[in-house]
Amino acid sequence: MSAALAHLLSDHPELSSIIWSVGDRPGVLTGHKIDETGQGEIVDACAEIMGGHVARTSHPFGQDGQGVAQLVTTYDGVPVHVYATYVLPRKHGLTAADLRRLFTGLPLGAVAVIGSGDEA
């Protein structure tokens, strides 16, 4: 397993932001990335390199939703399970973190203008 991981990261250093572990689950190389920005594209990159199809799920979590992108495949003959979690914005398109950044530092009574996202 460690040889497969060394091969993977030497050929694809862009995957080094994933936390990889050997031996967490017997016989399976596992990788994860928590609170990734975006929509789990790092797992899409893994699928392009190792093959397989990415499964995505979502569920309510805290003030926002949480998405999970997962891939179960093999690489160099070793079973691999990699996943990433990411924040899903609410209906208005902003996450709780976005709203905190928007309103932090505004004086009391100030009005924050939130665009619709349709601007060109």
N, C-alpha and C. Protein backbone atom coordinates (compact mmCIF):
# COMPACT_ATOMS: atom_id res chain seq x y z
N MET A 1 0.82 -1.20 0.00
CA MET A 1 0.00 0.00 0.00
C MET A 1 0.86 1.26 0.00
N SER A 2 1.91 1.26 0.81
CA SER A 2 2.73 2.46 0.86
C SER A 2 3.45 2.70 -0.47
N ALA A 3 3.78 1.62 -1.19
CA ALA A 3 4.40 1.79 -2.52
C ALA A 3 3.41 2.43 -3.48
N ALA A 4 2.14 2.01 -3.43
CA ALA A 4 1.11 2.60 -4.29
C ALA A 4 0.92 4.08 -3.96
N LEU A 5 0.93 4.43 -2.68
CA LEU A 5 0.77 5.82 -2.27
C LEU A 5 1.97 6.65 -2.73
N ALA A 6 3.17 6.12 -2.57
CA ALA A 6 4.37 6.84 -3.03
C ALA A 6 4.32 7.06 -4.53
N HIS A 7 3.90 6.04 -5.27
CA HIS A 7 3.78 6.15 -6.73
C HIS A 7 2.75 7.21 -7.10
N LEU A 8 1.58 7.16 -6.42
CA LEU A 8 0.50 8.11 -6.70
C LEU A 8 0.95 9.54 -6.47
N LEU A 9 1.57 9.80 -5.33
CA LEU A 9 1.94 11.18 -4.99
C LEU A 9 3.15 11.68 -5.77
N SER A 10 4.04 10.76 -6.17
CA SER A 10 5.18 11.22 -6.99
C SER A 10 4.72 11.57 -8.40
N ASP A 11 3.75 10.82 -8.93
CA ASP A 11 3.23 11.12 -10.26
C ASP A 11 2.18 12.24 -10.26
N HIS A 12 1.52 12.43 -9.12
CA HIS A 12 0.41 13.41 -9.04
C HIS A 12 0.51 14.21 -7.75
N PRO A 13 1.48 15.10 -7.64
CA PRO A 13 1.66 15.87 -6.40
C PRO A 13 0.46 16.75 -6.05
N GLU A 14 -0.41 17.03 -7.03
CA GLU A 14 -1.60 17.83 -6.76
C GLU A 14 -2.54 17.14 -5.77
N LEU A 15 -2.35 15.84 -5.56
CA LEU A 15 -3.19 15.10 -4.61
C LEU A 15 -2.60 15.08 -3.20
N SER A 16 -1.50 15.80 -3.00
CA SER A 16 -0.86 15.79 -1.68
C SER A 16 -1.63 16.58 -0.63
N SER A 17 -2.63 17.36 -1.04
CA SER A 17 -3.45 18.09 -0.05
C SER A 17 -4.45 17.17 0.66
N ILE A 18 -4.61 15.98 0.13
CA ILE A 18 -5.48 14.98 0.78
C ILE A 18 -4.70 14.34 1.92
N ILE A 19 -5.36 14.07 3.02
CA ILE A 19 -4.72 13.36 4.14
C ILE A 19 -4.85 11.87 3.85
N TRP A 20 -3.72 11.24 3.56
CA TRP A 20 -3.69 9.82 3.20
C TRP A 20 -3.27 8.99 4.40
N SER A 21 -3.83 7.79 4.51
CA SER A 21 -3.40 6.88 5.58
C SER A 21 -3.34 5.46 5.06
N VAL A 22 -2.34 4.76 5.55
CA VAL A 22 -2.12 3.35 5.22
C VAL A 22 -2.37 2.56 6.49
N GLY A 23 -3.31 1.63 6.46
CA GLY A 23 -3.54 0.79 7.63
C GLY A 23 -4.69 1.23 8.51
N ASP A 24 -5.31 2.38 8.22
CA ASP A 24 -6.51 2.78 8.96
C ASP A 24 -7.57 1.69 8.85
N ARG A 25 -7.77 1.26 7.64
CA ARG A 25 -8.66 0.14 7.34
C ARG A 25 -7.79 -0.92 6.70
N PRO A 26 -7.72 -2.11 7.27
CA PRO A 26 -6.82 -3.15 6.76
C PRO A 26 -6.97 -3.38 5.26
N GLY A 27 -5.86 -3.27 4.55
CA GLY A 27 -5.83 -3.55 3.13
C GLY A 27 -6.35 -2.44 2.24
N VAL A 28 -6.71 -1.29 2.80
CA VAL A 28 -7.30 -0.19 2.02
C VAL A 28 -6.48 1.08 2.24
N LEU A 29 -6.09 1.71 1.15
CA LEU A 29 -5.47 3.03 1.19
C LEU A 29 -6.60 4.05 1.29
N THR A 30 -6.60 4.86 2.34
CA THR A 30 -7.68 5.82 2.52
C THR A 30 -7.16 7.25 2.46
N GLY A 31 -7.99 8.12 1.94
CA GLY A 31 -7.66 9.53 1.88
C GLY A 31 -8.89 10.37 2.14
N HIS A 32 -8.71 11.50 2.81
CA HIS A 32 -9.84 12.39 3.04
C HIS A 32 -9.39 13.84 3.09
N LYS A 33 -10.34 14.69 2.81
CA LYS A 33 -10.14 16.13 2.91
C LYS A 33 -11.43 16.71 3.46
N ILE A 34 -11.34 17.32 4.62
CA ILE A 34 -12.51 17.86 5.31
C ILE A 34 -12.63 19.35 5.00
N ASP A 35 -13.88 19.80 4.80
CA ASP A 35 -14.18 21.21 4.52
C ASP A 35 -13.43 21.74 3.32
N GLU A 36 -13.42 20.96 2.27
CA GLU A 36 -12.78 21.42 1.04
C GLU A 36 -13.59 22.58 0.48
N THR A 37 -12.89 23.52 -0.16
CA THR A 37 -13.60 24.57 -0.87
C THR A 37 -14.08 23.96 -2.19
N GLY A 38 -15.16 24.45 -2.70
CA GLY A 38 -15.69 23.91 -3.95
C GLY A 38 -16.69 22.81 -3.69
N GLN A 39 -16.76 21.88 -4.61
CA GLN A 39 -17.77 20.82 -4.58
C GLN A 39 -17.14 19.43 -4.58
N GLY A 40 -15.98 19.29 -4.00
CA GLY A 40 -15.33 17.99 -3.95
C GLY A 40 -14.54 17.66 -5.21
N GLU A 41 -14.08 18.68 -5.91
CA GLU A 41 -13.35 18.46 -7.16
C GLU A 41 -12.07 17.65 -6.98
N ILE A 42 -11.49 17.69 -5.78
CA ILE A 42 -10.28 16.90 -5.55
C ILE A 42 -10.56 15.41 -5.72
N VAL A 43 -11.77 14.98 -5.39
CA VAL A 43 -12.15 13.57 -5.57
C VAL A 43 -12.37 13.29 -7.06
N ASP A 44 -12.89 14.27 -7.79
CA ASP A 44 -13.01 14.13 -9.24
C ASP A 44 -11.64 13.93 -9.87
N ALA A 45 -10.64 14.69 -9.38
CA ALA A 45 -9.28 14.54 -9.89
C ALA A 45 -8.75 13.13 -9.60
N CYS A 46 -9.05 12.60 -8.42
CA CYS A 46 -8.64 11.23 -8.09
C CYS A 46 -9.28 10.23 -9.06
N ALA A 47 -10.54 10.43 -9.38
CA ALA A 47 -11.25 9.53 -10.29
C ALA A 47 -10.63 9.58 -11.69
N GLU A 48 -10.24 10.77 -12.14
CA GLU A 48 -9.60 10.87 -13.46
C GLU A 48 -8.28 10.11 -13.49
N ILE A 49 -7.57 10.13 -12.38
CA ILE A 49 -6.26 9.48 -12.31
C ILE A 49 -6.39 7.97 -12.08
N MET A 50 -7.25 7.58 -11.14
CA MET A 50 -7.34 6.18 -10.73
C MET A 50 -8.47 5.40 -11.38
N GLY A 51 -9.40 6.13 -12.00
CA GLY A 51 -10.57 5.47 -12.57
C GLY A 51 -11.69 5.39 -11.55
N GLY A 52 -12.86 5.08 -12.02
CA GLY A 52 -14.01 4.96 -11.13
C GLY A 52 -14.95 6.14 -11.27
N HIS A 53 -16.04 6.07 -10.52
CA HIS A 53 -17.08 7.11 -10.55
C HIS A 53 -17.24 7.69 -9.16
N VAL A 54 -17.38 9.01 -9.10
CA VAL A 54 -17.55 9.72 -7.83
C VAL A 54 -19.02 9.71 -7.45
N ALA A 55 -19.30 9.32 -6.21
CA ALA A 55 -20.66 9.37 -5.66
C ALA A 55 -20.74 10.60 -4.77
N ARG A 56 -21.84 11.36 -4.91
CA ARG A 56 -22.04 12.56 -4.09
C ARG A 56 -23.33 12.42 -3.30
N THR A 57 -23.26 12.84 -2.05
CA THR A 57 -24.44 12.88 -1.19
C THR A 57 -24.45 14.22 -0.46
N SER A 58 -25.60 14.57 0.07
CA SER A 58 -25.69 15.81 0.86
C SER A 58 -26.71 15.60 1.97
N HIS A 59 -26.53 16.37 3.04
CA HIS A 59 -27.46 16.32 4.16
C HIS A 59 -27.32 17.61 4.96
N PRO A 60 -28.36 17.94 5.75
CA PRO A 60 -28.28 19.14 6.59
C PRO A 60 -27.18 18.97 7.63
N PHE A 61 -26.46 20.04 7.89
CA PHE A 61 -25.40 19.98 8.89
C PHE A 61 -25.20 21.39 9.44
N GLY A 62 -25.49 21.58 10.70
CA GLY A 62 -25.34 22.91 11.30
C GLY A 62 -26.24 23.91 10.61
N GLN A 63 -25.68 25.08 10.34
CA GLN A 63 -26.46 26.14 9.71
C GLN A 63 -26.53 25.98 8.19
N ASP A 64 -25.70 25.14 7.64
CA ASP A 64 -25.66 24.94 6.20
C ASP A 64 -25.86 23.45 5.91
N GLY A 65 -25.73 23.08 4.68
CA GLY A 65 -25.73 21.67 4.33
C GLY A 65 -24.30 21.19 4.17
N GLN A 66 -24.13 19.89 4.13
CA GLN A 66 -22.80 19.34 3.92
C GLN A 66 -22.87 18.36 2.76
N GLY A 67 -21.92 18.48 1.85
CA GLY A 67 -21.81 17.56 0.75
C GLY A 67 -20.63 16.63 0.99
N VAL A 68 -20.74 15.43 0.47
CA VAL A 68 -19.65 14.45 0.55
C VAL A 68 -19.46 13.86 -0.84
N ALA A 69 -18.23 13.90 -1.32
CA ALA A 69 -17.87 13.25 -2.58
C ALA A 69 -16.98 12.06 -2.21
N GLN A 70 -17.31 10.87 -2.73
CA GLN A 70 -16.57 9.65 -2.39
C GLN A 70 -16.19 8.88 -3.64
N LEU A 71 -15.06 8.21 -3.55
CA LEU A 71 -14.58 7.35 -4.62
C LEU A 71 -14.04 6.08 -4.00
N VAL A 72 -14.49 4.95 -4.49
CA VAL A 72 -13.94 3.64 -4.11
C VAL A 72 -13.43 3.01 -5.40
N THR A 73 -12.13 2.72 -5.44
CA THR A 73 -11.51 2.22 -6.66
C THR A 73 -10.25 1.43 -6.29
N THR A 74 -9.43 1.14 -7.27
CA THR A 74 -8.12 0.53 -7.00
C THR A 74 -7.06 1.33 -7.75
N TYR A 75 -5.85 1.30 -7.20
CA TYR A 75 -4.71 1.97 -7.83
C TYR A 75 -3.50 1.08 -7.61
N ASP A 76 -2.82 0.74 -8.65
CA ASP A 76 -1.68 -0.18 -8.57
C ASP A 76 -2.04 -1.47 -7.84
N GLY A 77 -3.28 -1.93 -8.05
CA GLY A 77 -3.73 -3.17 -7.42
C GLY A 77 -4.13 -3.05 -5.97
N VAL A 78 -4.16 -1.83 -5.43
CA VAL A 78 -4.50 -1.60 -4.02
C VAL A 78 -5.89 -0.96 -3.94
N PRO A 79 -6.79 -1.49 -3.09
CA PRO A 79 -8.08 -0.84 -2.89
C PRO A 79 -7.90 0.56 -2.30
N VAL A 80 -8.67 1.52 -2.81
CA VAL A 80 -8.57 2.92 -2.38
C VAL A 80 -9.96 3.43 -2.06
N HIS A 81 -10.09 4.15 -0.94
CA HIS A 81 -11.31 4.87 -0.59
C HIS A 81 -10.91 6.30 -0.27
N VAL A 82 -11.40 7.25 -1.04
CA VAL A 82 -11.08 8.66 -0.82
C VAL A 82 -12.38 9.46 -0.80
N TYR A 83 -12.45 10.42 0.12
CA TYR A 83 -13.64 11.26 0.19
C TYR A 83 -13.27 12.68 0.61
N ALA A 84 -14.16 13.60 0.29
CA ALA A 84 -14.00 15.00 0.70
C ALA A 84 -15.35 15.52 1.14
N THR A 85 -15.35 16.34 2.18
CA THR A 85 -16.58 17.01 2.60
C THR A 85 -16.47 18.49 2.24
N TYR A 86 -17.62 19.10 2.00
CA TYR A 86 -17.64 20.51 1.64
C TYR A 86 -18.97 21.12 2.06
N VAL A 87 -18.95 22.41 2.31
CA VAL A 87 -20.14 23.13 2.75
C VAL A 87 -21.03 23.41 1.54
N LEU A 88 -22.32 23.17 1.72
CA LEU A 88 -23.30 23.51 0.69
C LEU A 88 -24.06 24.76 1.13
N PRO A 89 -24.16 25.76 0.28
CA PRO A 89 -24.89 26.97 0.66
C PRO A 89 -26.38 26.71 0.78
N ARG A 90 -27.02 27.52 1.58
CA ARG A 90 -28.47 27.45 1.71
C ARG A 90 -29.12 27.97 0.43
N LYS A 91 -30.45 28.05 0.43
CA LYS A 91 -31.19 28.46 -0.77
C LYS A 91 -30.73 29.80 -1.32
N HIS A 92 -30.33 30.73 -0.45
CA HIS A 92 -29.93 32.05 -0.92
C HIS A 92 -28.53 32.07 -1.53
N GLY A 93 -27.84 30.92 -1.52
CA GLY A 93 -26.55 30.82 -2.18
C GLY A 93 -25.36 31.19 -1.32
N LEU A 94 -25.59 31.54 -0.05
CA LEU A 94 -24.50 31.90 0.84
C LEU A 94 -24.43 30.92 2.00
N THR A 95 -23.23 30.58 2.39
CA THR A 95 -23.04 29.73 3.57
C THR A 95 -23.04 30.61 4.81
N ALA A 96 -23.12 29.98 5.96
CA ALA A 96 -23.05 30.73 7.22
C ALA A 96 -21.73 31.49 7.31
N ALA A 97 -20.63 30.88 6.85
CA ALA A 97 -19.33 31.55 6.87
C ALA A 97 -19.34 32.77 5.95
N ASP A 98 -19.99 32.67 4.79
CA ASP A 98 -20.11 33.82 3.88
C ASP A 98 -20.83 34.97 4.57
N LEU A 99 -21.93 34.65 5.25
CA LEU A 99 -22.70 35.70 5.93
C LEU A 99 -21.91 36.34 7.06
N ARG A 100 -21.16 35.53 7.82
CA ARG A 100 -20.32 36.09 8.89
C ARG A 100 -19.30 37.07 8.30
N ARG A 101 -18.64 36.68 7.21
CA ARG A 101 -17.65 37.57 6.58
C ARG A 101 -18.32 38.86 6.08
N LEU A 102 -19.52 38.73 5.54
CA LEU A 102 -20.23 39.87 4.99
C LEU A 102 -20.61 40.89 6.06
N PHE A 103 -21.06 40.40 7.22
CA PHE A 103 -21.57 41.30 8.24
C PHE A 103 -20.55 41.68 9.31
N THR A 104 -19.44 40.99 9.41
CA THR A 104 -18.42 41.32 10.41
C THR A 104 -17.83 42.69 10.11
N GLY A 105 -17.80 43.51 11.13
CA GLY A 105 -17.19 44.83 10.99
C GLY A 105 -18.13 45.92 10.51
N LEU A 106 -19.35 45.58 10.15
CA LEU A 106 -20.30 46.62 9.75
C LEU A 106 -20.83 47.33 10.99
N PRO A 107 -20.93 48.65 10.95
CA PRO A 107 -21.51 49.36 12.09
C PRO A 107 -23.00 49.04 12.22
N LEU A 108 -23.49 49.14 13.43
CA LEU A 108 -24.91 48.89 13.69
C LEU A 108 -25.76 49.80 12.81
N GLY A 109 -26.74 49.23 12.15
CA GLY A 109 -27.62 49.98 11.28
C GLY A 109 -27.16 50.05 9.84
N ALA A 110 -25.96 49.58 9.55
CA ALA A 110 -25.48 49.57 8.17
C ALA A 110 -26.24 48.53 7.37
N VAL A 111 -26.36 48.76 6.09
CA VAL A 111 -27.06 47.84 5.22
C VAL A 111 -26.04 47.14 4.32
N ALA A 112 -26.08 45.84 4.34
CA ALA A 112 -25.19 45.07 3.45
C ALA A 112 -25.95 44.74 2.18
N VAL A 113 -25.37 44.99 1.05
CA VAL A 113 -26.01 44.70 -0.23
C VAL A 113 -25.51 43.36 -0.71
N ILE A 114 -26.43 42.45 -0.90
CA ILE A 114 -26.09 41.11 -1.36
C ILE A 114 -26.59 40.96 -2.78
N GLY A 115 -25.67 40.74 -3.69
CA GLY A 115 -26.05 40.57 -5.10
C GLY A 115 -26.78 39.27 -5.32
N SER A 116 -27.51 39.19 -6.40
CA SER A 116 -28.28 38.00 -6.71
C SER A 116 -27.42 36.91 -7.35
N GLY A 117 -26.21 37.26 -7.74
CA GLY A 117 -25.35 36.30 -8.43
C GLY A 117 -25.57 36.29 -9.92
N ASP A 118 -26.55 37.09 -10.40
CA ASP A 118 -26.87 37.12 -11.83
C ASP A 118 -26.14 38.23 -12.55
N GLU A 119 -25.30 38.99 -11.82
CA GLU A 119 -24.61 40.10 -12.44
C GLU A 119 -23.63 39.57 -13.49
N ALA A 120 -23.46 40.31 -14.56
CA ALA A 120 -22.54 39.89 -15.62
C ALA A 120 -21.14 40.29 -15.32
